[in-house]
Structure formats: C-alpha cells, structure tokens
PDB file of N, CA and C in Angstrom:
ATOM      1  N   MET A   1       0.836  -1.166   0.000  1.00  0.00           N
ATOM      2  CA  MET A   1       0.000   0.000   0.000  1.00  0.00           C
ATOM      3  C   MET A   1       0.896   1.250   0.000  1.00  0.00           C
ATOM      4  N   GLN A   2       0.479   2.242  -0.740  1.00  0.00           N
ATOM      5  CA  GLN A   2       1.237   3.481  -0.842  1.00  0.00           C
ATOM      6  C   GLN A   2       0.922   4.398   0.338  1.00  0.00           C
ATOM      7  N   SER A   3       1.920   5.171   0.750  1.00  0.00           N
ATOM      8  CA  SER A   3       1.753   6.135   1.825  1.00  0.00           C
ATOM      9  C   SER A   3       1.766   7.545   1.240  1.00  0.00           C
ATOM     10  N   ILE A   4       0.852   8.384   1.691  1.00  0.00           N
ATOM     11  CA  ILE A   4       0.804   9.788   1.298  1.00  0.00           C
ATOM     12  C   ILE A   4       0.980  10.604   2.574  1.00  0.00           C
ATOM     13  N   THR A   5       1.806  11.643   2.494  1.00  0.00           N
ATOM     14  CA  THR A   5       2.029  12.492   3.657  1.00  0.00           C
ATOM     15  C   THR A   5       1.104  13.694   3.607  1.00  0.00           C
ATOM     16  N   CYS A   6       0.141  13.712   4.503  1.00  0.00           N
ATOM     17  CA  CYS A   6      -0.779  14.841   4.626  1.00  0.00           C
ATOM     18  C   CYS A   6       0.008  16.011   5.224  1.00  0.00           C
ATOM     19  N   PRO A   7      -0.148  17.230   4.683  1.00  0.00           N
ATOM     20  CA  PRO A   7       0.582  18.376   5.238  1.00  0.00           C
ATOM     21  C   PRO A   7       0.261  18.643   6.711  1.00  0.00           C
ATOM     22  N   TRP A   8      -0.881  18.160   7.212  1.00  0.00           N
ATOM     23  CA  TRP A   8      -1.282  18.415   8.598  1.00  0.00           C
ATOM     24  C   TRP A   8      -1.146  17.184   9.489  1.00  0.00           C
ATOM     25  N   CYS A   9      -1.433  16.003   8.959  1.00  0.00           N
ATOM     26  CA  CYS A   9      -1.489  14.790   9.777  1.00  0.00           C
ATOM     27  C   CYS A   9      -0.261  13.894   9.659  1.00  0.00           C
ATOM     28  N   GLY A  10       0.574  14.154   8.661  1.00  0.00           N
ATOM     29  CA  GLY A  10       1.740  13.312   8.456  1.00  0.00           C
ATOM     30  C   GLY A  10       1.426  12.113   7.568  1.00  0.00           C
ATOM     31  N   PRO A  11       2.331  11.122   7.532  1.00  0.00           N
ATOM     32  CA  PRO A  11       2.155   9.955   6.652  1.00  0.00           C
ATOM     33  C   PRO A  11       0.936   9.115   7.029  1.00  0.00           C
ATOM     34  N   ARG A  12       0.142   8.779   6.012  1.00  0.00           N
ATOM     35  CA  ARG A  12      -1.044   7.954   6.195  1.00  0.00           C
ATOM     36  C   ARG A  12      -1.190   7.033   4.982  1.00  0.00           C
ATOM     37  N   ALA A  13      -1.998   5.994   5.130  1.00  0.00           N
ATOM     38  CA  ALA A  13      -2.273   5.073   4.026  1.00  0.00           C
ATOM     39  C   ALA A  13      -3.039   5.794   2.927  1.00  0.00           C
ATOM     40  N   GLN A  14      -2.740   5.454   1.692  1.00  0.00           N
ATOM     41  CA  GLN A  14      -3.377   6.094   0.539  1.00  0.00           C
ATOM     42  C   GLN A  14      -4.897   5.928   0.555  1.00  0.00           C
ATOM     43  N   THR A  15      -5.393   4.898   1.215  1.00  0.00           N
ATOM     44  CA  THR A  15      -6.835   4.655   1.269  1.00  0.00           C
ATOM     45  C   THR A  15      -7.585   5.734   2.052  1.00  0.00           C
ATOM     46  N   GLU A  16      -6.880   6.579   2.820  1.00  0.00           N
ATOM     47  CA  GLU A  16      -7.518   7.672   3.561  1.00  0.00           C
ATOM     48  C   GLU A  16      -7.772   8.898   2.693  1.00  0.00           C
ATOM     49  N   PHE A  17      -7.248   8.890   1.454  1.00  0.00           N
ATOM     50  CA  PHE A  17      -7.277  10.071   0.603  1.00  0.00           C
ATOM     51  C   PHE A  17      -8.132   9.848  -0.629  1.00  0.00           C
ATOM     52  N   GLU A  18      -8.576  10.951  -1.221  1.00  0.00           N
ATOM     53  CA  GLU A  18      -9.333  10.892  -2.465  1.00  0.00           C
ATOM     54  C   GLU A  18      -8.753  11.893  -3.453  1.00  0.00           C
ATOM     55  N   TYR A  19      -8.498  11.389  -4.666  1.00  0.00           N
ATOM     56  CA  TYR A  19      -8.012  12.238  -5.757  1.00  0.00           C
ATOM     57  C   TYR A  19      -9.156  13.111  -6.238  1.00  0.00           C
ATOM     58  N   HIS A  20      -8.864  14.409  -6.461  1.00  0.00           N
ATOM     59  CA  HIS A  20      -9.899  15.309  -6.976  1.00  0.00           C
ATOM     60  C   HIS A  20      -9.680  15.613  -8.455  1.00  0.00           C
ATOM     61  N   CYS A  21      -8.514  16.191  -8.821  1.00  0.00           N
ATOM     62  CA  CYS A  21      -8.280  16.548 -10.217  1.00  0.00           C
ATOM     63  C   CYS A  21      -6.819  16.957 -10.435  1.00  0.00           C
ATOM     64  N   ASP A  22      -6.485  17.125 -11.693  1.00  0.00           N
ATOM     65  CA  ASP A  22      -5.201  17.691 -12.084  1.00  0.00           C
ATOM     66  C   ASP A  22      -5.220  19.160 -11.686  1.00  0.00           C
ATOM     67  N   ALA A  23      -4.197  19.610 -10.986  1.00  0.00           N
ATOM     68  CA  ALA A  23      -4.177  20.994 -10.490  1.00  0.00           C
ATOM     69  C   ALA A  23      -4.212  22.021 -11.612  1.00  0.00           C
ATOM     70  N   SER A  24      -3.712  21.682 -12.795  1.00  0.00           N
ATOM     71  CA  SER A  24      -3.720  22.651 -13.896  1.00  0.00           C
ATOM     72  C   SER A  24      -5.141  22.958 -14.373  1.00  0.00           C
ATOM     73  N   ALA A  25      -6.090  22.074 -14.062  1.00  0.00           N
ATOM     74  CA  ALA A  25      -7.483  22.302 -14.477  1.00  0.00           C
ATOM     75  C   ALA A  25      -8.188  23.332 -13.615  1.00  0.00           C
ATOM     76  N   VAL A  26      -7.630  23.667 -12.467  1.00  0.00           N
ATOM     77  CA  VAL A  26      -8.285  24.616 -11.562  1.00  0.00           C
ATOM     78  C   VAL A  26      -7.468  25.880 -11.331  1.00  0.00           C
ATOM     79  N   GLU A  27      -6.489  26.120 -12.171  1.00  0.00           N
ATOM     80  CA  GLU A  27      -5.679  27.327 -12.027  1.00  0.00           C
ATOM     81  C   GLU A  27      -6.529  28.565 -12.268  1.00  0.00           C
ATOM     82  N   SER A  28      -6.174  29.648 -11.624  1.00  0.00           N
ATOM     83  CA  SER A  28      -6.936  30.901 -11.715  1.00  0.00           C
ATOM     84  C   SER A  28      -6.512  31.731 -12.918  1.00  0.00           C
ATOM     85  N   ARG A  29      -6.686  31.186 -14.099  1.00  0.00           N
ATOM     86  CA  ARG A  29      -6.334  31.926 -15.311  1.00  0.00           C
ATOM     87  C   ARG A  29      -7.547  32.227 -16.175  1.00  0.00           C
ATOM     88  N   PHE A  30      -8.748  31.906 -15.714  1.00  0.00           N
ATOM     89  CA  PHE A  30      -9.932  32.028 -16.557  1.00  0.00           C
ATOM     90  C   PHE A  30     -10.198  33.461 -17.011  1.00  0.00           C
ATOM     91  N   LEU A  31      -9.843  34.446 -16.198  1.00  0.00           N
ATOM     92  CA  LEU A  31     -10.082  35.834 -16.593  1.00  0.00           C
ATOM     93  C   LEU A  31      -9.122  36.293 -17.681  1.00  0.00           C
ATOM     94  N   GLU A  32      -7.993  35.620 -17.822  1.00  0.00           N
ATOM     95  CA  GLU A  32      -6.979  35.992 -18.808  1.00  0.00           C
ATOM     96  C   GLU A  32      -7.125  35.217 -20.113  1.00  0.00           C
ATOM     97  N   GLU A  33      -7.952  34.197 -20.149  1.00  0.00           N
ATOM     98  CA  GLU A  33      -8.076  33.321 -21.305  1.00  0.00           C
ATOM     99  C   GLU A  33      -9.402  33.537 -22.030  1.00  0.00           C
ATOM    100  N   SER A  34      -9.389  33.195 -23.304  1.00  0.00           N
ATOM    101  CA  SER A  34     -10.653  33.140 -24.031  1.00  0.00           C
ATOM    102  C   SER A  34     -11.365  31.846 -23.618  1.00  0.00           C
ATOM    103  N   VAL A  35     -12.612  31.728 -23.960  1.00  0.00           N
ATOM    104  CA  VAL A  35     -13.377  30.524 -23.624  1.00  0.00           C
ATOM    105  C   VAL A  35     -12.744  29.297 -24.279  1.00  0.00           C
ATOM    106  N   SER A  36     -12.348  29.409 -25.528  1.00  0.00           N
ATOM    107  CA  SER A  36     -11.753  28.258 -26.214  1.00  0.00           C
ATOM    108  C   SER A  36     -10.417  27.865 -25.596  1.00  0.00           C
ATOM    109  N   GLU A  37      -9.614  28.839 -25.149  1.00  0.00           N
ATOM    110  CA  GLU A  37      -8.333  28.524 -24.499  1.00  0.00           C
ATOM    111  C   GLU A  37      -8.574  27.806 -23.168  1.00  0.00           C
ATOM    112  N   ALA A  38      -9.549  28.276 -22.405  1.00  0.00           N
ATOM    113  CA  ALA A  38      -9.863  27.638 -21.125  1.00  0.00           C
ATOM    114  C   ALA A  38     -10.380  26.219 -21.340  1.00  0.00           C
ATOM    115  N   LEU A  39     -11.269  26.024 -22.301  1.00  0.00           N
ATOM    116  CA  LEU A  39     -11.792  24.685 -22.579  1.00  0.00           C
ATOM    117  C   LEU A  39     -10.691  23.733 -23.015  1.00  0.00           C
ATOM    118  N   GLU A  40      -9.784  24.215 -23.848  1.00  0.00           N
ATOM    119  CA  GLU A  40      -8.680  23.367 -24.301  1.00  0.00           C
ATOM    120  C   GLU A  40      -7.758  23.008 -23.141  1.00  0.00           C
ATOM    121  N   ARG A  41      -7.456  23.968 -22.257  1.00  0.00           N
ATOM    122  CA  ARG A  41      -6.570  23.700 -21.122  1.00  0.00           C
ATOM    123  C   ARG A  41      -7.196  22.686 -20.166  1.00  0.00           C
ATOM    124  N   VAL A  42      -8.493  22.765 -19.969  1.00  0.00           N
ATOM    125  CA  VAL A  42      -9.153  21.893 -19.009  1.00  0.00           C
ATOM    126  C   VAL A  42      -9.478  20.522 -19.598  1.00  0.00           C
ATOM    127  N   PHE A  43      -9.974  20.482 -20.842  1.00  0.00           N
ATOM    128  CA  PHE A  43     -10.486  19.230 -21.389  1.00  0.00           C
ATOM    129  C   PHE A  43      -9.623  18.570 -22.456  1.00  0.00           C
ATOM    130  N   ILE A  44      -8.781  19.313 -23.146  1.00  0.00           N
ATOM    131  CA  ILE A  44      -7.986  18.736 -24.233  1.00  0.00           C
ATOM    132  C   ILE A  44      -6.509  18.914 -23.899  1.00  0.00           C
ATOM    133  N   ARG A  45      -6.033  18.065 -22.996  1.00  0.00           N
ATOM    134  CA  ARG A  45      -4.660  18.182 -22.521  1.00  0.00           C
ATOM    135  C   ARG A  45      -3.812  17.057 -23.078  1.00  0.00           C
ATOM    136  N   ASP A  46      -2.509  17.326 -23.156  1.00  0.00           N
ATOM    137  CA  ASP A  46      -1.575  16.274 -23.531  1.00  0.00           C
ATOM    138  C   ASP A  46      -1.457  15.290 -22.374  1.00  0.00           C
ATOM    139  N   ASP A  47      -1.380  14.018 -22.694  1.00  0.00           N
ATOM    140  CA  ASP A  47      -1.225  12.979 -21.681  1.00  0.00           C
ATOM    141  C   ASP A  47       0.255  12.641 -21.568  1.00  0.00           C
ATOM    142  N   THR A  48       1.007  13.506 -20.916  1.00  0.00           N
ATOM    143  CA  THR A  48       2.447  13.319 -20.820  1.00  0.00           C
ATOM    144  C   THR A  48       2.806  12.488 -19.597  1.00  0.00           C
ATOM    145  N   ILE A  49       3.925  11.782 -19.697  1.00  0.00           N
ATOM    146  CA  ILE A  49       4.435  10.983 -18.594  1.00  0.00           C
ATOM    147  C   ILE A  49       5.388  11.851 -17.785  1.00  0.00           C
ATOM    148  N   GLY A  50       5.233  11.835 -16.484  1.00  0.00           N
ATOM    149  CA  GLY A  50       6.124  12.601 -15.620  1.00  0.00           C
ATOM    150  C   GLY A  50       5.402  13.073 -14.373  1.00  0.00           C
ATOM    151  N   PHE A  51       6.037  14.005 -13.665  1.00  0.00           N
ATOM    152  CA  PHE A  51       5.453  14.537 -12.437  1.00  0.00           C
ATOM    153  C   PHE A  51       4.356  15.540 -12.759  1.00  0.00           C
ATOM    154  N   HIS A  52       3.268  15.446 -12.026  1.00  0.00           N
ATOM    155  CA  HIS A  52       2.111  16.318 -12.195  1.00  0.00           C
ATOM    156  C   HIS A  52       1.682  16.840 -10.838  1.00  0.00           C
ATOM    157  N   GLN A  53       1.107  18.029 -10.814  1.00  0.00           N
ATOM    158  CA  GLN A  53       0.485  18.576  -9.613  1.00  0.00           C
ATOM    159  C   GLN A  53      -0.972  18.123  -9.611  1.00  0.00           C
ATOM    160  N   GLU A  54      -1.398  17.529  -8.520  1.00  0.00           N
ATOM    161  CA  GLU A  54      -2.766  17.035  -8.401  1.00  0.00           C
ATOM    162  C   GLU A  54      -3.409  17.593  -7.131  1.00  0.00           C
ATOM    163  N   ILE A  55      -4.722  17.673  -7.121  1.00  0.00           N
ATOM    164  CA  ILE A  55      -5.465  18.102  -5.941  1.00  0.00           C
ATOM    165  C   ILE A  55      -6.057  16.854  -5.268  1.00  0.00           C
ATOM    166  N   TRP A  56      -5.775  16.697  -3.977  1.00  0.00           N
ATOM    167  CA  TRP A  56      -6.256  15.566  -3.190  1.00  0.00           C
ATOM    168  C   TRP A  56      -6.928  16.082  -1.929  1.00  0.00           C
ATOM    169  N   GLN A  57      -7.761  15.237  -1.306  1.00  0.00           N
ATOM    170  CA  GLN A  57      -8.369  15.552  -0.022  1.00  0.00           C
ATOM    171  C   GLN A  57      -8.143  14.396   0.941  1.00  0.00           C
ATOM    172  N   HIS A  58      -7.830  14.722   2.188  1.00  0.00           N
ATOM    173  CA  HIS A  58      -7.669  13.707   3.236  1.00  0.00           C
ATOM    174  C   HIS A  58      -9.060  13.433   3.824  1.00  0.00           C
ATOM    175  N   VAL A  59      -9.842  12.625   3.124  1.00  0.00           N
ATOM    176  CA  VAL A  59     -11.255  12.426   3.458  1.00  0.00           C
ATOM    177  C   VAL A  59     -11.477  11.647   4.751  1.00  0.00           C
ATOM    178  N   LEU A  60     -10.580  10.744   5.112  1.00  0.00           N
ATOM    179  CA  LEU A  60     -10.752   9.962   6.342  1.00  0.00           C
ATOM    180  C   LEU A  60      -9.864  10.480   7.463  1.00  0.00           C
ATOM    181  N   GLY A  61      -9.474  11.732   7.368  1.00  0.00           N
ATOM    182  CA  GLY A  61      -8.639  12.347   8.397  1.00  0.00           C
ATOM    183  C   GLY A  61      -9.103  13.763   8.655  1.00  0.00           C
ATOM    184  N   CYS A  62      -8.216  14.715   8.441  1.00  0.00           N
ATOM    185  CA  CYS A  62      -8.510  16.124   8.743  1.00  0.00           C
ATOM    186  C   CYS A  62      -9.409  16.789   7.709  1.00  0.00           C
ATOM    187  N   ARG A  63      -9.671  16.124   6.592  1.00  0.00           N
ATOM    188  CA  ARG A  63     -10.501  16.618   5.484  1.00  0.00           C
ATOM    189  C   ARG A  63      -9.874  17.800   4.758  1.00  0.00           C
ATOM    190  N   GLY A  64      -8.590  18.022   4.974  1.00  0.00           N
ATOM    191  CA  GLY A  64      -7.892  19.121   4.316  1.00  0.00           C
ATOM    192  C   GLY A  64      -7.635  18.843   2.842  1.00  0.00           C
ATOM    193  N   TRP A  65      -7.579  19.925   2.056  1.00  0.00           N
ATOM    194  CA  TRP A  65      -7.290  19.854   0.626  1.00  0.00           C
ATOM    195  C   TRP A  65      -5.842  20.248   0.407  1.00  0.00           C
ATOM    196  N   PHE A  66      -5.132  19.518  -0.472  1.00  0.00           N
ATOM    197  CA  PHE A  66      -3.728  19.818  -0.710  1.00  0.00           C
ATOM    198  C   PHE A  66      -3.322  19.457  -2.130  1.00  0.00           C
ATOM    199  N   ARG A  67      -2.190  20.049  -2.551  1.00  0.00           N
ATOM    200  CA  ARG A  67      -1.589  19.719  -3.841  1.00  0.00           C
ATOM    201  C   ARG A  67      -0.552  18.634  -3.612  1.00  0.00           C
ATOM    202  N   LEU A  68      -0.573  17.615  -4.441  1.00  0.00           N
ATOM    203  CA  LEU A  68       0.381  16.515  -4.360  1.00  0.00           C
ATOM    204  C   LEU A  68       1.138  16.461  -5.670  1.00  0.00           C
ATOM    205  N   GLU A  69       2.456  16.394  -5.610  1.00  0.00           N
ATOM    206  CA  GLU A  69       3.249  16.228  -6.823  1.00  0.00           C
ATOM    207  C   GLU A  69       3.561  14.746  -6.968  1.00  0.00           C
ATOM    208  N   ARG A  70       2.997  14.124  -8.014  1.00  0.00           N
ATOM    209  CA  ARG A  70       3.086  12.671  -8.196  1.00  0.00           C
ATOM    210  C   ARG A  70       3.447  12.327  -9.635  1.00  0.00           C
ATOM    211  N   HIS A  71       4.294  11.309  -9.791  1.00  0.00           N
ATOM    212  CA  HIS A  71       4.660  10.809 -11.121  1.00  0.00           C
ATOM    213  C   HIS A  71       3.545   9.877 -11.586  1.00  0.00           C
ATOM    214  N   ASN A  72       2.988  10.135 -12.761  1.00  0.00           N
ATOM    215  CA  ASN A  72       1.818   9.376 -13.196  1.00  0.00           C
ATOM    216  C   ASN A  72       2.138   7.985 -13.742  1.00  0.00           C
ATOM    217  N   ARG A  73       3.394   7.614 -13.856  1.00  0.00           N
ATOM    218  CA  ARG A  73       3.728   6.240 -14.256  1.00  0.00           C
ATOM    219  C   ARG A  73       4.223   5.429 -13.063  1.00  0.00           C
ATOM    220  N   THR A  74       5.146   5.992 -12.286  1.00  0.00           N
ATOM    221  CA  THR A  74       5.744   5.254 -11.167  1.00  0.00           C
ATOM    222  C   THR A  74       5.003   5.481  -9.849  1.00  0.00           C
ATOM    223  N   HIS A  75       4.159   6.494  -9.773  1.00  0.00           N
ATOM    224  CA  HIS A  75       3.416   6.889  -8.573  1.00  0.00           C
ATOM    225  C   HIS A  75       4.332   7.428  -7.471  1.00  0.00           C
ATOM    226  N   GLU A  76       5.583   7.739  -7.812  1.00  0.00           N
ATOM    227  CA  GLU A  76       6.494   8.353  -6.843  1.00  0.00           C
ATOM    228  C   GLU A  76       5.936   9.722  -6.446  1.00  0.00           C
ATOM    229  N   ILE A  77       5.998  10.023  -5.165  1.00  0.00           N
ATOM    230  CA  ILE A  77       5.489  11.295  -4.655  1.00  0.00           C
ATOM    231  C   ILE A  77       6.671  12.148  -4.228  1.00  0.00           C
ATOM    232  N   ARG A  78       6.717  13.383  -4.737  1.00  0.00           N
ATOM    233  CA  ARG A  78       7.784  14.320  -4.368  1.00  0.00           C
ATOM    234  C   ARG A  78       7.418  15.160  -3.159  1.00  0.00           C
ATOM    235  N   GLY A  79       6.153  15.451  -2.980  1.00  0.00           N
ATOM    236  CA  GLY A  79       5.766  16.272  -1.845  1.00  0.00           C
ATOM    237  C   GLY A  79       4.320  16.708  -1.918  1.00  0.00           C
ATOM    238  N   ALA A  80       3.869  17.296  -0.806  1.00  0.00           N
ATOM    239  CA  ALA A  80       2.503  17.789  -0.707  1.00  0.00           C
ATOM    240  C   ALA A  80       2.523  19.136  -0.006  1.00  0.00           C
ATOM    241  N   ALA A  81       1.594  20.012  -0.393  1.00  0.00           N
ATOM    242  CA  ALA A  81       1.484  21.335   0.216  1.00  0.00           C
ATOM    243  C   ALA A  81       0.012  21.732   0.267  1.00  0.00           C
ATOM    244  N   PRO A  82      -0.376  22.466   1.289  1.00  0.00           N
ATOM    245  CA  PRO A  82      -1.779  22.896   1.393  1.00  0.00           C
ATOM    246  C   PRO A  82      -2.212  23.707   0.175  1.00  0.00           C
ATOM    247  N   CYS A  83      -3.468  23.547  -0.226  1.00  0.00           N
ATOM    248  CA  CYS A  83      -4.046  24.416  -1.253  1.00  0.00           C
ATOM    249  C   CYS A  83      -4.263  25.773  -0.610  1.00  0.00           C
ATOM    250  N   ARG A  84      -3.938  26.811  -1.337  1.00  0.00           N
ATOM    251  CA  ARG A  84      -4.099  28.161  -0.797  1.00  0.00           C
ATOM    252  C   ARG A  84      -4.809  29.021  -1.820  1.00  0.00           C
ATOM    253  N   ARG A  85      -5.608  29.950  -1.338  1.00  0.00           N
ATOM    254  CA  ARG A  85      -6.257  30.927  -2.204  1.00  0.00           C
ATOM    255  C   ARG A  85      -5.224  31.963  -2.615  1.00  0.00           C
ATOM    256  N   GLU A  86      -5.361  32.450  -3.840  1.00  0.00           N
ATOM    257  CA  GLU A  86      -4.514  33.548  -4.298  1.00  0.00           C
ATOM    258  C   GLU A  86      -5.007  34.828  -3.665  1.00  0.00           C
ATOM    259  N   ARG A  87      -4.129  35.764  -3.432  1.00  0.00           N
ATOM    260  CA  ARG A  87      -4.525  37.052  -2.876  1.00  0.00           C
ATOM    261  C   ARG A  87      -5.563  37.717  -3.766  1.00  0.00           C
ATOM    262  N   GLY A  88      -6.601  38.248  -3.162  1.00  0.00           N
ATOM    263  CA  GLY A  88      -7.646  38.901  -3.929  1.00  0.00           C
ATOM    264  C   GLY A  88      -8.814  37.993  -4.237  1.00  0.00           C
ATOM    265  N   ASP A  89      -8.634  36.647  -4.108  1.00  0.00           N
ATOM    266  CA  ASP A  89      -9.757  35.731  -4.318  1.00  0.00           C
ATOM    267  C   ASP A  89     -10.706  35.857  -3.138  1.00  0.00           C
ATOM    268  N   SER A  90     -11.976  35.853  -3.408  1.00  0.00           N
ATOM    269  CA  SER A  90     -12.950  35.948  -2.311  1.00  0.00           C
ATOM    270  C   SER A  90     -13.290  34.536  -1.849  1.00  0.00           C
ATOM    271  N   ALA A  91     -13.575  34.401  -0.595  1.00  0.00           N
ATOM    272  CA  ALA A  91     -13.982  33.114  -0.042  1.00  0.00           C
ATOM    273  C   ALA A  91     -15.432  32.857  -0.443  1.00  0.00           C
ATOM    274  N   SER A  92     -15.718  31.632  -0.843  1.00  0.00           N
ATOM    275  CA  SER A  92     -17.088  31.303  -1.244  1.00  0.00           C
ATOM    276  C   SER A  92     -17.739  30.433  -0.205  1.00  0.00           C
TER     277      SER A  92
END
C-alpha cells in the first residue's frame, strides 16, 4: 500500500485520501483566457508521462485539501502542500 504524507497529519495510508483533479485544471487563469483557451486547457490536454500537480483531499482524516506532486507512471510522490487561495480571491 502506498503512503501519502498529509501536510497536517503526516504519513497515512493512501486509502484515507481521495483524488480530486489535475491541479492545472483549476488554475486561476480564466479571466486571462478566451473561452476556447480555457476549454482546451481543461479538457484537451496532452497525456504526458512525468510529475504532475494534483489536488487531493484527506477524506478519512482532517478533510484538508492539498496539492500533491506525483509521477503518473511510477506513482512516486515528491511532496505535498496545502491548497491556498490567491490574494484577492474571495472566499465562497
């Protein structure tokens, strides 16, 4: 079983976590892009092999949301960091 290190709780079994999405799909660039550019970035992406930033949630623990850098072929994890709002973003 793979271990994921939660930024708040420390190392835990991967079964405590849930994958949400590729972090590039939720970047705050929508105001700078045309509709077609945003749709292409979110839905028509290259399927490259290597490290990717992903959004995960610790669903069976602190329920915190974080970015995980993971290799999509080997599943090697480089690190995790809390998701943070950009300055100027309003809380919803």
